[in-house]
């Protein structure tokens, strides 16, 4: 299932009003017009049937093999339990992938 791209397309006037509001150039009347158009667009979406919003089709996927179960070890940087095979050695420390991504070039 995937959202049909045209569902979220906005009319030219809606886009114009968004630009005015973003740049603080909208008058009170234009702001009010924006919210009226915006509410109407939102309600139109909410009132649609699923087949009008989404491309629905059956897909056949192959599931990956079951994950190997192994013990967790504590990341020496953040303290988060992490699958031992996922820890990276940095100097004398074992750290999780998230911490390793933040430590590029850092101690």
PDB file of N, CA and C in Angstrom:
ATOM      1  N   UNK A   1       0.851  -1.164   0.000  1.00  0.00           N
ATOM      2  CA  UNK A   1       0.000   0.000   0.000  1.00  0.00           C
ATOM      3  C   UNK A   1       0.903   1.235   0.000  1.00  0.00           C
ATOM      4  N   UNK A   2       0.577   2.182  -0.856  1.00  0.00           N
ATOM      5  CA  UNK A   2       1.342   3.430  -0.921  1.00  0.00           C
ATOM      6  C   UNK A   2       0.384   4.588  -1.182  1.00  0.00           C
ATOM      7  N   UNK A   3       0.666   5.704  -0.566  1.00  0.00           N
ATOM      8  CA  UNK A   3      -0.153   6.900  -0.753  1.00  0.00           C
ATOM      9  C   UNK A   3      -0.052   7.364  -2.201  1.00  0.00           C
ATOM     10  N   UNK A   4      -1.182   7.653  -2.824  1.00  0.00           N
ATOM     11  CA  UNK A   4      -1.173   8.180  -4.190  1.00  0.00           C
ATOM     12  C   UNK A   4      -0.654   9.616  -4.148  1.00  0.00           C
ATOM     13  N   UNK A   5       0.304   9.972  -4.998  1.00  0.00           N
ATOM     14  CA  UNK A   5       0.928  11.301  -4.939  1.00  0.00           C
ATOM     15  C   UNK A   5      -0.066  12.455  -5.082  1.00  0.00           C
ATOM     16  N   UNK A   6      -1.089  12.268  -5.876  1.00  0.00           N
ATOM     17  CA  UNK A   6      -2.031  13.361  -6.115  1.00  0.00           C
ATOM     18  C   UNK A   6      -2.885  13.697  -4.891  1.00  0.00           C
ATOM     19  N   UNK A   7      -2.932  12.819  -3.926  1.00  0.00           N
ATOM     20  CA  UNK A   7      -3.751  13.046  -2.731  1.00  0.00           C
ATOM     21  C   UNK A   7      -3.324  14.311  -1.997  1.00  0.00           C
ATOM     22  N   UNK A   8      -2.031  14.552  -1.918  1.00  0.00           N
ATOM     23  CA  UNK A   8      -1.524  15.699  -1.157  1.00  0.00           C
ATOM     24  C   UNK A   8      -1.200  16.916  -2.025  1.00  0.00           C
ATOM     25  N   UNK A   9      -1.505  16.847  -3.311  1.00  0.00           N
ATOM     26  CA  UNK A   9      -1.254  18.006  -4.178  1.00  0.00           C
ATOM     27  C   UNK A   9      -2.132  19.166  -3.750  1.00  0.00           C
ATOM     28  N   UNK A  10      -1.534  20.353  -3.747  1.00  0.00           N
ATOM     29  CA  UNK A  10      -2.265  21.554  -3.340  1.00  0.00           C
ATOM     30  C   UNK A  10      -2.550  22.435  -4.544  1.00  0.00           C
ATOM     31  N   UNK A  11      -3.667  23.120  -4.482  1.00  0.00           N
ATOM     32  CA  UNK A  11      -4.045  24.061  -5.539  1.00  0.00           C
ATOM     33  C   UNK A  11      -3.105  25.269  -5.493  1.00  0.00           C
ATOM     34  N   UNK A  12      -3.004  25.974  -6.611  1.00  0.00           N
ATOM     35  CA  UNK A  12      -2.105  27.127  -6.709  1.00  0.00           C
ATOM     36  C   UNK A  12      -2.374  28.165  -5.618  1.00  0.00           C
ATOM     37  N   UNK A  13      -3.644  28.461  -5.360  1.00  0.00           N
ATOM     38  CA  UNK A  13      -3.953  29.482  -4.357  1.00  0.00           C
ATOM     39  C   UNK A  13      -3.494  29.038  -2.972  1.00  0.00           C
ATOM     40  N   UNK A  14      -3.668  27.775  -2.662  1.00  0.00           N
ATOM     41  CA  UNK A  14      -3.222  27.234  -1.373  1.00  0.00           C
ATOM     42  C   UNK A  14      -1.707  27.426  -1.234  1.00  0.00           C
ATOM     43  N   UNK A  15      -0.967  27.115  -2.292  1.00  0.00           N
ATOM     44  CA  UNK A  15       0.489  27.277  -2.284  1.00  0.00           C
ATOM     45  C   UNK A  15       0.893  28.746  -2.138  1.00  0.00           C
ATOM     46  N   UNK A  16       0.162  29.627  -2.830  1.00  0.00           N
ATOM     47  CA  UNK A  16       0.456  31.064  -2.732  1.00  0.00           C
ATOM     48  C   UNK A  16       0.275  31.549  -1.294  1.00  0.00           C
ATOM     49  N   UNK A  17      -0.801  31.112  -0.683  1.00  0.00           N
ATOM     50  CA  UNK A  17      -1.081  31.531   0.693  1.00  0.00           C
ATOM     51  C   UNK A  17      -0.048  30.971   1.669  1.00  0.00           C
ATOM     52  N   UNK A  18       0.397  29.747   1.438  1.00  0.00           N
ATOM     53  CA  UNK A  18       1.452  29.166   2.282  1.00  0.00           C
ATOM     54  C   UNK A  18       2.701  30.036   2.216  1.00  0.00           C
ATOM     55  N   UNK A  19       3.081  30.444   1.001  1.00  0.00           N
ATOM     56  CA  UNK A  19       4.264  31.293   0.845  1.00  0.00           C
ATOM     57  C   UNK A  19       4.104  32.626   1.571  1.00  0.00           C
ATOM     58  N   UNK A  20       2.919  33.210   1.482  1.00  0.00           N
ATOM     59  CA  UNK A  20       2.677  34.478   2.167  1.00  0.00           C
ATOM     60  C   UNK A  20       2.778  34.319   3.681  1.00  0.00           C
ATOM     61  N   UNK A  21       2.223  33.236   4.180  1.00  0.00           N
ATOM     62  CA  UNK A  21       2.263  32.996   5.630  1.00  0.00           C
ATOM     63  C   UNK A  21       3.687  32.726   6.090  1.00  0.00           C
ATOM     64  N   UNK A  22       4.441  31.946   5.330  1.00  0.00           N
ATOM     65  CA  UNK A  22       5.831  31.632   5.701  1.00  0.00           C
ATOM     66  C   UNK A  22       6.701  32.882   5.779  1.00  0.00           C
ATOM     67  N   UNK A  23       6.406  33.860   4.943  1.00  0.00           N
ATOM     68  CA  UNK A  23       7.229  35.079   4.912  1.00  0.00           C
ATOM     69  C   UNK A  23       6.603  36.207   5.726  1.00  0.00           C
ATOM     70  N   UNK A  24       5.599  35.883   6.512  1.00  0.00           N
ATOM     71  CA  UNK A  24       4.895  36.886   7.323  1.00  0.00           C
ATOM     72  C   UNK A  24       4.338  38.034   6.486  1.00  0.00           C
ATOM     73  N   UNK A  25       3.961  37.734   5.246  1.00  0.00           N
ATOM     74  CA  UNK A  25       3.427  38.773   4.362  1.00  0.00           C
ATOM     75  C   UNK A  25       1.914  38.655   4.184  1.00  0.00           C
ATOM     76  N   UNK A  26       1.300  37.666   4.818  1.00  0.00           N
ATOM     77  CA  UNK A  26      -0.137  37.453   4.645  1.00  0.00           C
ATOM     78  C   UNK A  26      -0.943  38.447   5.479  1.00  0.00           C
ATOM     79  N   UNK A  27      -2.005  38.950   4.869  1.00  0.00           N
ATOM     80  CA  UNK A  27      -2.937  39.794   5.613  1.00  0.00           C
ATOM     81  C   UNK A  27      -3.818  38.892   6.473  1.00  0.00           C
ATOM     82  N   UNK A  28      -4.590  39.490   7.350  1.00  0.00           N
ATOM     83  CA  UNK A  28      -5.509  38.698   8.171  1.00  0.00           C
ATOM     84  C   UNK A  28      -6.498  37.941   7.291  1.00  0.00           C
ATOM     85  N   UNK A  29      -6.967  38.599   6.221  1.00  0.00           N
ATOM     86  CA  UNK A  29      -7.912  37.956   5.318  1.00  0.00           C
ATOM     87  C   UNK A  29      -7.261  36.774   4.587  1.00  0.00           C
ATOM     88  N   UNK A  30      -6.000  36.920   4.199  1.00  0.00           N
ATOM     89  CA  UNK A  30      -5.298  35.839   3.508  1.00  0.00           C
ATOM     90  C   UNK A  30      -5.028  34.666   4.460  1.00  0.00           C
ATOM     91  N   UNK A  31      -4.732  34.977   5.701  1.00  0.00           N
ATOM     92  CA  UNK A  31      -4.529  33.920   6.696  1.00  0.00           C
ATOM     93  C   UNK A  31      -5.827  33.158   6.921  1.00  0.00           C
ATOM     94  N   UNK A  32      -6.907  33.894   7.029  1.00  0.00           N
ATOM     95  CA  UNK A  32      -8.215  33.261   7.193  1.00  0.00           C
ATOM     96  C   UNK A  32      -8.562  32.410   5.970  1.00  0.00           C
ATOM     97  N   UNK A  33      -8.282  32.927   4.770  1.00  0.00           N
ATOM     98  CA  UNK A  33      -8.526  32.171   3.532  1.00  0.00           C
ATOM     99  C   UNK A  33      -7.688  30.893   3.521  1.00  0.00           C
ATOM    100  N   UNK A  34      -6.417  31.001   3.939  1.00  0.00           N
ATOM    101  CA  UNK A  34      -5.547  29.833   3.985  1.00  0.00           C
ATOM    102  C   UNK A  34      -6.156  28.744   4.856  1.00  0.00           C
ATOM    103  N   UNK A  35      -6.575  29.117   6.075  1.00  0.00           N
ATOM    104  CA  UNK A  35      -7.107  28.116   6.990  1.00  0.00           C
ATOM    105  C   UNK A  35      -8.404  27.509   6.476  1.00  0.00           C
ATOM    106  N   UNK A  36      -9.201  28.281   5.785  1.00  0.00           N
ATOM    107  CA  UNK A  36     -10.426  27.739   5.198  1.00  0.00           C
ATOM    108  C   UNK A  36     -10.081  26.704   4.128  1.00  0.00           C
ATOM    109  N   UNK A  37      -9.177  27.060   3.221  1.00  0.00           N
ATOM    110  CA  UNK A  37      -8.753  26.126   2.172  1.00  0.00           C
ATOM    111  C   UNK A  37      -8.090  24.899   2.790  1.00  0.00           C
ATOM    112  N   UNK A  38      -7.244  25.128   3.791  1.00  0.00           N
ATOM    113  CA  UNK A  38      -6.504  24.043   4.432  1.00  0.00           C
ATOM    114  C   UNK A  38      -7.458  23.058   5.121  1.00  0.00           C
ATOM    115  N   UNK A  39      -8.442  23.587   5.854  1.00  0.00           N
ATOM    116  CA  UNK A  39      -9.433  22.728   6.516  1.00  0.00           C
ATOM    117  C   UNK A  39     -10.241  21.943   5.486  1.00  0.00           C
ATOM    118  N   UNK A  40     -10.654  22.612   4.418  1.00  0.00           N
ATOM    119  CA  UNK A  40     -11.431  21.936   3.373  1.00  0.00           C
ATOM    120  C   UNK A  40     -10.626  20.814   2.716  1.00  0.00           C
ATOM    121  N   UNK A  41      -9.349  21.066   2.456  1.00  0.00           N
ATOM    122  CA  UNK A  41      -8.478  20.041   1.874  1.00  0.00           C
ATOM    123  C   UNK A  41      -8.343  18.871   2.847  1.00  0.00           C
ATOM    124  N   UNK A  42      -8.121  19.169   4.122  1.00  0.00           N
ATOM    125  CA  UNK A  42      -7.984  18.118   5.138  1.00  0.00           C
ATOM    126  C   UNK A  42      -9.256  17.290   5.241  1.00  0.00           C
ATOM    127  N   UNK A  43     -10.401  17.941   5.266  1.00  0.00           N
ATOM    128  CA  UNK A  43     -11.671  17.226   5.365  1.00  0.00           C
ATOM    129  C   UNK A  43     -11.919  16.368   4.123  1.00  0.00           C
ATOM    130  N   UNK A  44     -11.558  16.891   2.955  1.00  0.00           N
ATOM    131  CA  UNK A  44     -11.728  16.118   1.722  1.00  0.00           C
ATOM    132  C   UNK A  44     -10.902  14.835   1.784  1.00  0.00           C
ATOM    133  N   UNK A  45      -9.700  14.925   2.326  1.00  0.00           N
ATOM    134  CA  UNK A  45      -8.851  13.742   2.460  1.00  0.00           C
ATOM    135  C   UNK A  45      -9.471  12.761   3.458  1.00  0.00           C
ATOM    136  N   UNK A  46      -9.918  13.270   4.598  1.00  0.00           N
ATOM    137  CA  UNK A  46     -10.484  12.400   5.627  1.00  0.00           C
ATOM    138  C   UNK A  46     -11.766  11.701   5.185  1.00  0.00           C
ATOM    139  N   UNK A  47     -12.486  12.294   4.242  1.00  0.00           N
ATOM    140  CA  UNK A  47     -13.755  11.720   3.792  1.00  0.00           C
ATOM    141  C   UNK A  47     -13.587  10.711   2.659  1.00  0.00           C
ATOM    142  N   UNK A  48     -12.382  10.571   2.136  1.00  0.00           N
ATOM    143  CA  UNK A  48     -12.147   9.645   1.030  1.00  0.00           C
ATOM    144  C   UNK A  48     -12.084   8.203   1.520  1.00  0.00           C
ATOM    145  N   UNK A  49     -12.389   7.295   0.621  1.00  0.00           N
ATOM    146  CA  UNK A  49     -12.252   5.867   0.880  1.00  0.00           C
ATOM    147  C   UNK A  49     -10.779   5.482   0.725  1.00  0.00           C
ATOM    148  N   UNK A  50     -10.347   4.438   1.406  1.00  0.00           N
ATOM    149  CA  UNK A  50      -8.941   4.028   1.321  1.00  0.00           C
ATOM    150  C   UNK A  50      -8.438   3.849  -0.115  1.00  0.00           C
ATOM    151  N   UNK A  51      -9.260   3.260  -0.989  1.00  0.00           N
ATOM    152  CA  UNK A  51      -8.812   3.033  -2.371  1.00  0.00           C
ATOM    153  C   UNK A  51      -8.607   4.344  -3.145  1.00  0.00           C
ATOM    154  N   UNK A  52      -9.211   5.434  -2.662  1.00  0.00           N
ATOM    155  CA  UNK A  52      -9.007   6.738  -3.298  1.00  0.00           C
ATOM    156  C   UNK A  52      -7.700   7.385  -2.834  1.00  0.00           C
ATOM    157  N   UNK A  53      -7.215   6.987  -1.684  1.00  0.00           N
ATOM    158  CA  UNK A  53      -6.013   7.560  -1.104  1.00  0.00           C
ATOM    159  C   UNK A  53      -4.754   6.741  -1.396  1.00  0.00           C
ATOM    160  N   UNK A  54      -4.935   5.433  -1.455  1.00  0.00           N
ATOM    161  CA  UNK A  54      -3.780   4.551  -1.534  1.00  0.00           C
ATOM    162  C   UNK A  54      -3.834   3.649  -2.759  1.00  0.00           C
ATOM    163  N   UNK A  55      -2.645   3.379  -3.291  1.00  0.00           N
ATOM    164  CA  UNK A  55      -2.503   2.338  -4.297  1.00  0.00           C
ATOM    165  C   UNK A  55      -2.331   1.046  -3.499  1.00  0.00           C
ATOM    166  N   UNK A  56      -3.299   0.172  -3.623  1.00  0.00           N
ATOM    167  CA  UNK A  56      -3.292  -1.043  -2.819  1.00  0.00           C
ATOM    168  C   UNK A  56      -3.080  -2.229  -3.753  1.00  0.00           C
ATOM    169  N   UNK A  57      -2.033  -2.982  -3.467  1.00  0.00           N
ATOM    170  CA  UNK A  57      -1.802  -4.185  -4.255  1.00  0.00           C
ATOM    171  C   UNK A  57      -1.116  -5.213  -3.383  1.00  0.00           C
ATOM    172  N   UNK A  58      -1.298  -6.449  -3.736  1.00  0.00           N
ATOM    173  CA  UNK A  58      -0.675  -7.526  -2.986  1.00  0.00           C
ATOM    174  C   UNK A  58       0.791  -7.611  -3.383  1.00  0.00           C
ATOM    175  N   UNK A  59       1.630  -7.799  -2.400  1.00  0.00           N
ATOM    176  CA  UNK A  59       3.045  -7.995  -2.662  1.00  0.00           C
ATOM    177  C   UNK A  59       3.483  -9.291  -1.996  1.00  0.00           C
ATOM    178  N   UNK A  60       4.422  -9.920  -2.622  1.00  0.00           N
ATOM    179  CA  UNK A  60       4.965 -11.155  -2.064  1.00  0.00           C
ATOM    180  C   UNK A  60       6.420 -10.872  -1.729  1.00  0.00           C
ATOM    181  N   UNK A  61       6.745 -11.034  -0.465  1.00  0.00           N
ATOM    182  CA  UNK A  61       8.115 -10.790  -0.036  1.00  0.00           C
ATOM    183  C   UNK A  61       8.672 -12.038   0.630  1.00  0.00           C
ATOM    184  N   UNK A  62       9.955 -12.157   0.550  1.00  0.00           N
ATOM    185  CA  UNK A  62      10.628 -13.242   1.245  1.00  0.00           C
ATOM    186  C   UNK A  62      11.166 -12.682   2.553  1.00  0.00           C
ATOM    187  N   UNK A  63      10.769 -13.309   3.623  1.00  0.00           N
ATOM    188  CA  UNK A  63      11.227 -12.846   4.925  1.00  0.00           C
ATOM    189  C   UNK A  63      12.688 -13.242   5.127  1.00  0.00           C
ATOM    190  N   UNK A  64      13.436 -12.371   5.797  1.00  0.00           N
ATOM    191  CA  UNK A  64      14.831 -12.720   6.076  1.00  0.00           C
ATOM    192  C   UNK A  64      14.870 -13.877   7.074  1.00  0.00           C
ATOM    193  N   UNK A  65      16.000 -14.561   7.133  1.00  0.00           N
ATOM    194  CA  UNK A  65      16.089 -15.655   8.104  1.00  0.00           C
ATOM    195  C   UNK A  65      16.009 -15.108   9.523  1.00  0.00           C
ATOM    196  N   UNK A  66      15.621 -15.962  10.431  1.00  0.00           N
ATOM    197  CA  UNK A  66      15.538 -15.560  11.834  1.00  0.00           C
ATOM    198  C   UNK A  66      16.889 -15.057  12.313  1.00  0.00           C
ATOM    199  N   UNK A  67      16.861 -14.040  13.132  1.00  0.00           N
ATOM    200  CA  UNK A  67      18.094 -13.491  13.688  1.00  0.00           C
ATOM    201  C   UNK A  67      18.690 -14.473  14.680  1.00  0.00           C
ATOM    202  N   UNK A  68      19.991 -14.524  14.668  1.00  0.00           N
ATOM    203  CA  UNK A  68      20.700 -15.360  15.618  1.00  0.00           C
ATOM    204  C   UNK A  68      20.546 -14.724  17.004  1.00  0.00           C
ATOM    205  N   UNK A  69      20.226 -15.531  17.971  1.00  0.00           N
ATOM    206  CA  UNK A  69      20.082 -15.013  19.331  1.00  0.00           C
ATOM    207  C   UNK A  69      21.448 -15.097  20.002  1.00  0.00           C
ATOM    208  N   UNK A  70      21.888 -13.980  20.523  1.00  0.00           N
ATOM    209  CA  UNK A  70      23.150 -13.964  21.255  1.00  0.00           C
ATOM    210  C   UNK A  70      23.040 -12.984  22.408  1.00  0.00           C
ATOM    211  N   UNK A  71      23.987 -13.070  23.283  1.00  0.00           N
ATOM    212  CA  UNK A  71      23.940 -12.241  24.481  1.00  0.00           C
ATOM    213  C   UNK A  71      24.206 -10.778  24.139  1.00  0.00           C
ATOM    214  N   UNK A  72      23.740  -9.917  25.012  1.00  0.00           N
ATOM    215  CA  UNK A  72      24.005  -8.486  24.884  1.00  0.00           C
ATOM    216  C   UNK A  72      25.173  -8.109  25.781  1.00  0.00           C
ATOM    217  N   UNK A  73      25.881  -7.090  25.350  1.00  0.00           N
ATOM    218  CA  UNK A  73      26.932  -6.501  26.172  1.00  0.00           C
ATOM    219  C   UNK A  73      26.636  -5.016  26.277  1.00  0.00           C
ATOM    220  N   UNK A  74      27.168  -4.402  27.297  1.00  0.00           N
ATOM    221  CA  UNK A  74      26.925  -2.985  27.546  1.00  0.00           C
ATOM    222  C   UNK A  74      27.906  -2.150  26.721  1.00  0.00           C
ATOM    223  N   UNK A  75      27.381  -1.144  26.026  1.00  0.00           N
ATOM    224  CA  UNK A  75      28.229  -0.191  25.288  1.00  0.00           C
ATOM    225  C   UNK A  75      29.035   0.603  26.317  1.00  0.00           C
ATOM    226  N   UNK A  76      30.345   0.674  26.099  1.00  0.00           N
ATOM    227  CA  UNK A  76      31.205   1.388  27.044  1.00  0.00           C
ATOM    228  C   UNK A  76      31.049   2.899  26.971  1.00  0.00           C
ATOM    229  N   UNK A  77      30.281   3.385  26.029  1.00  0.00           N
ATOM    230  CA  UNK A  77      30.093   4.845  25.914  1.00  0.00           C
ATOM    231  C   UNK A  77      28.741   5.275  26.476  1.00  0.00           C
ATOM    232  N   UNK A  78      27.650   4.639  26.001  1.00  0.00           N
ATOM    233  CA  UNK A  78      26.314   5.099  26.426  1.00  0.00           C
ATOM    234  C   UNK A  78      25.643   4.184  27.446  1.00  0.00           C
ATOM    235  N   UNK A  79      26.175   2.964  27.616  1.00  0.00           N
ATOM    236  CA  UNK A  79      25.599   2.047  28.587  1.00  0.00           C
ATOM    237  C   UNK A  79      24.432   1.230  28.063  1.00  0.00           C
ATOM    238  N   UNK A  80      24.117   1.351  26.786  1.00  0.00           N
ATOM    239  CA  UNK A  80      22.996   0.632  26.189  1.00  0.00           C
ATOM    240  C   UNK A  80      23.371  -0.826  25.935  1.00  0.00           C
ATOM    241  N   UNK A  81      22.521  -1.775  26.344  1.00  0.00           N
ATOM    242  CA  UNK A  81      22.786  -3.175  26.002  1.00  0.00           C
ATOM    243  C   UNK A  81      22.693  -3.343  24.477  1.00  0.00           C
ATOM    244  N   UNK A  82      23.673  -4.013  23.916  1.00  0.00           N
ATOM    245  CA  UNK A  82      23.765  -4.169  22.465  1.00  0.00           C
ATOM    246  C   UNK A  82      24.183  -5.594  22.138  1.00  0.00           C
ATOM    247  N   UNK A  83      23.624  -6.150  21.061  1.00  0.00           N
ATOM    248  CA  UNK A  83      24.021  -7.474  20.622  1.00  0.00           C
ATOM    249  C   UNK A  83      25.545  -7.491  20.463  1.00  0.00           C
ATOM    250  N   UNK A  84      26.194  -8.453  21.083  1.00  0.00           N
ATOM    251  CA  UNK A  84      27.658  -8.496  21.134  1.00  0.00           C
ATOM    252  C   UNK A  84      28.297  -8.390  19.751  1.00  0.00           C
ATOM    253  N   UNK A  85      27.714  -9.043  18.746  1.00  0.00           N
ATOM    254  CA  UNK A  85      28.311  -9.019  17.406  1.00  0.00           C
ATOM    255  C   UNK A  85      28.175  -7.661  16.726  1.00  0.00           C
ATOM    256  N   UNK A  86      27.354  -6.777  17.274  1.00  0.00           N
ATOM    257  CA  UNK A  86      27.160  -5.443  16.690  1.00  0.00           C
ATOM    258  C   UNK A  86      28.079  -4.393  17.306  1.00  0.00           C
ATOM    259  N   UNK A  87      28.733  -4.733  18.421  1.00  0.00           N
ATOM    260  CA  UNK A  87      29.639  -3.780  19.067  1.00  0.00           C
ATOM    261  C   UNK A  87      30.910  -3.614  18.232  1.00  0.00           C
ATOM    262  N   UNK A  88      31.429  -2.407  18.235  1.00  0.00           N
ATOM    263  CA  UNK A  88      32.669  -2.105  17.527  1.00  0.00           C
ATOM    264  C   UNK A  88      33.763  -1.814  18.537  1.00  0.00           C
ATOM    265  N   UNK A  89      34.961  -2.272  18.228  1.00  0.00           N
ATOM    266  CA  UNK A  89      36.099  -1.995  19.107  1.00  0.00           C
ATOM    267  C   UNK A  89      36.720  -0.671  18.718  1.00  0.00           C
ATOM    268  N   UNK A  90      36.793   0.225  19.680  1.00  0.00           N
ATOM    269  CA  UNK A  90      37.443   1.517  19.488  1.00  0.00           C
ATOM    270  C   UNK A  90      38.444   1.650  20.630  1.00  0.00           C
ATOM    271  N   UNK A  91      39.729   1.484  20.299  1.00  0.00           N
ATOM    272  CA  UNK A  91      40.745   1.449  21.346  1.00  0.00           C
ATOM    273  C   UNK A  91      40.481   0.249  22.222  1.00  0.00           C
ATOM    274  N   UNK A  92      40.370   0.466  23.502  1.00  0.00           N
ATOM    275  CA  UNK A  92      40.107  -0.638  24.418  1.00  0.00           C
ATOM    276  C   UNK A  92      38.625  -0.720  24.800  1.00  0.00           C
ATOM    277  N   UNK A  93      37.766   0.022  24.074  1.00  0.00           N
ATOM    278  CA  UNK A  93      36.345   0.056  24.402  1.00  0.00           C
ATOM    279  C   UNK A  93      35.537  -0.653  23.331  1.00  0.00           C
ATOM    280  N   UNK A  94      34.388  -1.178  23.746  1.00  0.00           N
ATOM    281  CA  UNK A  94      33.421  -1.756  22.818  1.00  0.00           C
ATOM    282  C   UNK A  94      32.209  -0.828  22.836  1.00  0.00           C
ATOM    283  N   UNK A  95      31.872  -0.311  21.655  1.00  0.00           N
ATOM    284  CA  UNK A  95      30.771   0.658  21.586  1.00  0.00           C
ATOM    285  C   UNK A  95      29.746   0.233  20.544  1.00  0.00           C
ATOM    286  N   UNK A  96      28.524   0.686  20.754  1.00  0.00           N
ATOM    287  CA  UNK A  96      27.414   0.349  19.857  1.00  0.00           C
ATOM    288  C   UNK A  96      27.536   1.130  18.547  1.00  0.00           C
ATOM    289  N   UNK A  97      26.838   0.694  17.504  1.00  0.00           N
ATOM    290  CA  UNK A  97      26.911   1.375  16.214  1.00  0.00           C
ATOM    291  C   UNK A  97      26.514   2.857  16.273  1.00  0.00           C
ATOM    292  N   UNK A  98      25.517   3.191  17.096  1.00  0.00           N
ATOM    293  CA  UNK A  98      25.106   4.601  17.195  1.00  0.00           C
ATOM    294  C   UNK A  98      26.234   5.458  17.755  1.00  0.00           C
ATOM    295  N   UNK A  99      26.850   4.991  18.827  1.00  0.00           N
ATOM    296  CA  UNK A  99      27.962   5.751  19.412  1.00  0.00           C
ATOM    297  C   UNK A  99      29.128   5.817  18.442  1.00  0.00           C
ATOM    298  N   UNK A 100      29.381   4.727  17.720  1.00  0.00           N
ATOM    299  CA  UNK A 100      30.485   4.706  16.759  1.00  0.00           C
ATOM    300  C   UNK A 100      30.268   5.752  15.673  1.00  0.00           C
ATOM    301  N   UNK A 101      29.021   5.948  15.257  1.00  0.00           N
ATOM    302  CA  UNK A 101      28.750   6.934  14.201  1.00  0.00           C
ATOM    303  C   UNK A 101      28.988   8.362  14.693  1.00  0.00           C
ATOM    304  N   UNK A 102      28.847   8.591  15.998  1.00  0.00           N
ATOM    305  CA  UNK A 102      29.089   9.919  16.563  1.00  0.00           C
ATOM    306  C   UNK A 102      30.558  10.157  16.892  1.00  0.00           C
ATOM    307  N   UNK A 103      31.329   9.076  16.940  1.00  0.00           N
ATOM    308  CA  UNK A 103      32.720   9.199  17.385  1.00  0.00           C
ATOM    309  C   UNK A 103      33.709   9.343  16.229  1.00  0.00           C
ATOM    310  N   UNK A 104      33.226   9.488  14.999  1.00  0.00           N
ATOM    311  CA  UNK A 104      34.140   9.647  13.874  1.00  0.00           C
ATOM    312  C   UNK A 104      35.096  10.795  14.160  1.00  0.00           C
ATOM    313  N   UNK A 105      36.341  10.466  14.384  1.00  0.00           N
ATOM    314  CA  UNK A 105      37.356  11.479  14.629  1.00  0.00           C
ATOM    315  C   UNK A 105      37.368  12.026  16.046  1.00  0.00           C
ATOM    316  N   UNK A 106      36.536  11.461  16.948  1.00  0.00           N
ATOM    317  CA  UNK A 106      36.479  11.947  18.326  1.00  0.00           C
ATOM    318  C   UNK A 106      37.022  10.887  19.279  1.00  0.00           C
ATOM    319  N   UNK A 107      37.386  11.317  20.449  1.00  0.00           N
ATOM    320  CA  UNK A 107      37.813  10.369  21.486  1.00  0.00           C
ATOM    321  C   UNK A 107      36.649   9.987  22.344  1.00  0.00           C
TER     322      UNK A 107
END
